[in-house]
Amino acid sequence: MPIIHEEEFTFVTNNAVDFRRLYGKQDLHAGLVILIPNVTPRLQRELFRSILGHLGDRELINAVIEIDSDGENSEINEYEWP
């Protein structure tokens, strides 16, 4: 977490539980992207492309983007954290 915070990285992970906890301790962060389903790398890339399309060119300051998929449909949720 220190490197992520220091370098102001937006972090992408499948590990929602741990990173929600870690980001909850940060007053300011560059964003967190969570891929909910644990899927193959190819499908992870597809989900990530969907998120990039959703975001456009805006920044994710103190925002979390989550994408969930049942294999047929995807749902993107965005919220502030903490």
C-alpha atoms as a PDB file:
ATOM      1  CA  MET A   1       0.000   0.000   0.000  1.00  0.00           C
ATOM      2  CA  PRO A   2       2.806   2.520   0.648  1.00  0.00           C
ATOM      3  CA  ILE A   3       4.027   2.313  -2.977  1.00  0.00           C
ATOM      4  CA  ILE A   4       0.484   2.537  -4.355  1.00  0.00           C
ATOM      5  CA  HIS A   5      -0.191   5.614  -2.234  1.00  0.00           C
ATOM      6  CA  GLU A   6       3.199   7.285  -2.780  1.00  0.00           C
ATOM      7  CA  GLU A   7       3.129   6.826  -6.560  1.00  0.00           C
ATOM      8  CA  GLU A   8      -0.588   7.752  -6.754  1.00  0.00           C
ATOM      9  CA  PHE A   9      -1.492   4.581  -8.633  1.00  0.00           C
ATOM     10  CA  THR A  10      -5.043   3.558  -9.375  1.00  0.00           C
ATOM     11  CA  PHE A  11      -4.985  -0.079  -8.276  1.00  0.00           C
ATOM     12  CA  VAL A  12      -6.805  -2.956 -10.041  1.00  0.00           C
ATOM     13  CA  THR A  13      -7.495  -6.149  -8.078  1.00  0.00           C
ATOM     14  CA  ASN A  14      -9.704  -9.203  -7.556  1.00  0.00           C
ATOM     15  CA  ASN A  15      -9.052  -8.970  -3.823  1.00  0.00           C
ATOM     16  CA  ALA A  16     -12.012  -6.820  -2.744  1.00  0.00           C
ATOM     17  CA  VAL A  17     -11.957  -7.676   0.968  1.00  0.00           C
ATOM     18  CA  ASP A  18      -8.342  -6.769   1.688  1.00  0.00           C
ATOM     19  CA  PHE A  19      -8.165  -3.705  -0.522  1.00  0.00           C
ATOM     20  CA  ARG A  20     -11.448  -2.185   0.686  1.00  0.00           C
ATOM     21  CA  ARG A  21      -9.952  -2.450   4.179  1.00  0.00           C
ATOM     22  CA  LEU A  22      -6.618  -0.935   3.122  1.00  0.00           C
ATOM     23  CA  TYR A  23      -8.196   1.875   1.112  1.00  0.00           C
ATOM     24  CA  GLY A  24     -10.606   2.581   3.970  1.00  0.00           C
ATOM     25  CA  LYS A  25      -7.600   3.724   6.004  1.00  0.00           C
ATOM     26  CA  GLN A  26      -6.563   6.293   3.357  1.00  0.00           C
ATOM     27  CA  ASP A  27      -7.841   9.871   3.498  1.00  0.00           C
ATOM     28  CA  LEU A  28      -6.968  10.418  -0.146  1.00  0.00           C
ATOM     29  CA  HIS A  29      -6.258   7.900  -2.906  1.00  0.00           C
ATOM     30  CA  ALA A  30      -6.050   7.716  -6.689  1.00  0.00           C
ATOM     31  CA  GLY A  31      -8.797   5.124  -7.018  1.00  0.00           C
ATOM     32  CA  LEU A  32      -9.453   1.419  -6.751  1.00  0.00           C
ATOM     33  CA  VAL A  33     -10.834  -0.891  -9.439  1.00  0.00           C
ATOM     34  CA  ILE A  34     -12.238  -4.236  -8.299  1.00  0.00           C
ATOM     35  CA  LEU A  35     -12.970  -7.101 -10.680  1.00  0.00           C
ATOM     36  CA  ILE A  36     -15.498  -9.102  -8.676  1.00  0.00           C
ATOM     37  CA  PRO A  37     -15.528 -12.424 -10.495  1.00  0.00           C
ATOM     38  CA  ASN A  38     -12.384 -14.506 -10.334  1.00  0.00           C
ATOM     39  CA  VAL A  39     -12.060 -15.306 -14.037  1.00  0.00           C
ATOM     40  CA  THR A  40      -9.396 -16.081 -16.612  1.00  0.00           C
ATOM     41  CA  PRO A  41      -6.941 -13.362 -17.636  1.00  0.00           C
ATOM     42  CA  ARG A  42      -8.709 -12.989 -21.004  1.00  0.00           C
ATOM     43  CA  LEU A  43     -12.030 -12.269 -19.293  1.00  0.00           C
ATOM     44  CA  GLN A  44     -10.310  -9.957 -16.791  1.00  0.00           C
ATOM     45  CA  ARG A  45      -9.030  -7.903 -19.737  1.00  0.00           C
ATOM     46  CA  GLU A  46     -12.546  -7.712 -21.193  1.00  0.00           C
ATOM     47  CA  LEU A  47     -13.954  -6.531 -17.865  1.00  0.00           C
ATOM     48  CA  PHE A  48     -11.167  -3.982 -17.530  1.00  0.00           C
ATOM     49  CA  ARG A  49     -11.879  -2.663 -21.049  1.00  0.00           C
ATOM     50  CA  SER A  50     -15.512  -2.197 -19.990  1.00  0.00           C
ATOM     51  CA  ILE A  51     -14.375  -0.172 -16.984  1.00  0.00           C
ATOM     52  CA  LEU A  52     -12.108   1.993 -19.150  1.00  0.00           C
ATOM     53  CA  GLY A  53     -15.053   2.684 -21.458  1.00  0.00           C
ATOM     54  CA  HIS A  54     -17.180   3.613 -18.436  1.00  0.00           C
ATOM     55  CA  LEU A  55     -14.527   5.992 -17.078  1.00  0.00           C
ATOM     56  CA  GLY A  56     -13.560   7.881 -20.176  1.00  0.00           C
ATOM     57  CA  ASP A  57     -10.770  10.310 -19.288  1.00  0.00           C
ATOM     58  CA  ARG A  58     -11.861  11.285 -15.773  1.00  0.00           C
ATOM     59  CA  GLU A  59      -9.845  10.648 -12.639  1.00  0.00           C
ATOM     60  CA  LEU A  60     -10.836   8.329  -9.787  1.00  0.00           C
ATOM     61  CA  ILE A  61      -9.869  10.435  -6.772  1.00  0.00           C
ATOM     62  CA  ASN A  62     -11.294   8.600  -3.704  1.00  0.00           C
ATOM     63  CA  ALA A  63     -13.481   6.467  -5.965  1.00  0.00           C
ATOM     64  CA  VAL A  64     -13.969   2.731  -6.223  1.00  0.00           C
ATOM     65  CA  ILE A  65     -15.217   1.086  -9.402  1.00  0.00           C
ATOM     66  CA  GLU A  66     -16.464  -2.486  -9.157  1.00  0.00           C
ATOM     67  CA  ILE A  67     -17.445  -4.675 -12.062  1.00  0.00           C
ATOM     68  CA  ASP A  68     -19.335  -7.906 -11.613  1.00  0.00           C
ATOM     69  CA  SER A  69     -20.256 -10.347 -14.341  1.00  0.00           C
ATOM     70  CA  ASP A  70     -22.285 -13.513 -14.593  1.00  0.00           C
ATOM     71  CA  GLY A  71     -20.631 -14.436 -17.892  1.00  0.00           C
ATOM     72  CA  GLU A  72     -23.414 -12.895 -19.962  1.00  0.00           C
ATOM     73  CA  ASN A  73     -23.996  -9.478 -18.424  1.00  0.00           C
ATOM     74  CA  SER A  74     -21.759  -7.083 -16.549  1.00  0.00           C
ATOM     75  CA  GLU A  75     -22.687  -4.489 -13.960  1.00  0.00           C
ATOM     76  CA  ILE A  76     -20.465  -1.564 -12.998  1.00  0.00           C
ATOM     77  CA  ASN A  77     -20.891   0.190  -9.657  1.00  0.00           C
ATOM     78  CA  GLU A  78     -19.037   3.310  -8.606  1.00  0.00           C
ATOM     79  CA  TYR A  79     -18.833   4.854  -5.149  1.00  0.00           C
ATOM     80  CA  GLU A  80     -16.608   6.987  -2.951  1.00  0.00           C
ATOM     81  CA  TRP A  81     -14.329   5.244  -0.450  1.00  0.00           C
ATOM     82  CA  PRO A  82     -13.770   6.102   2.348  1.00  0.00           C
END
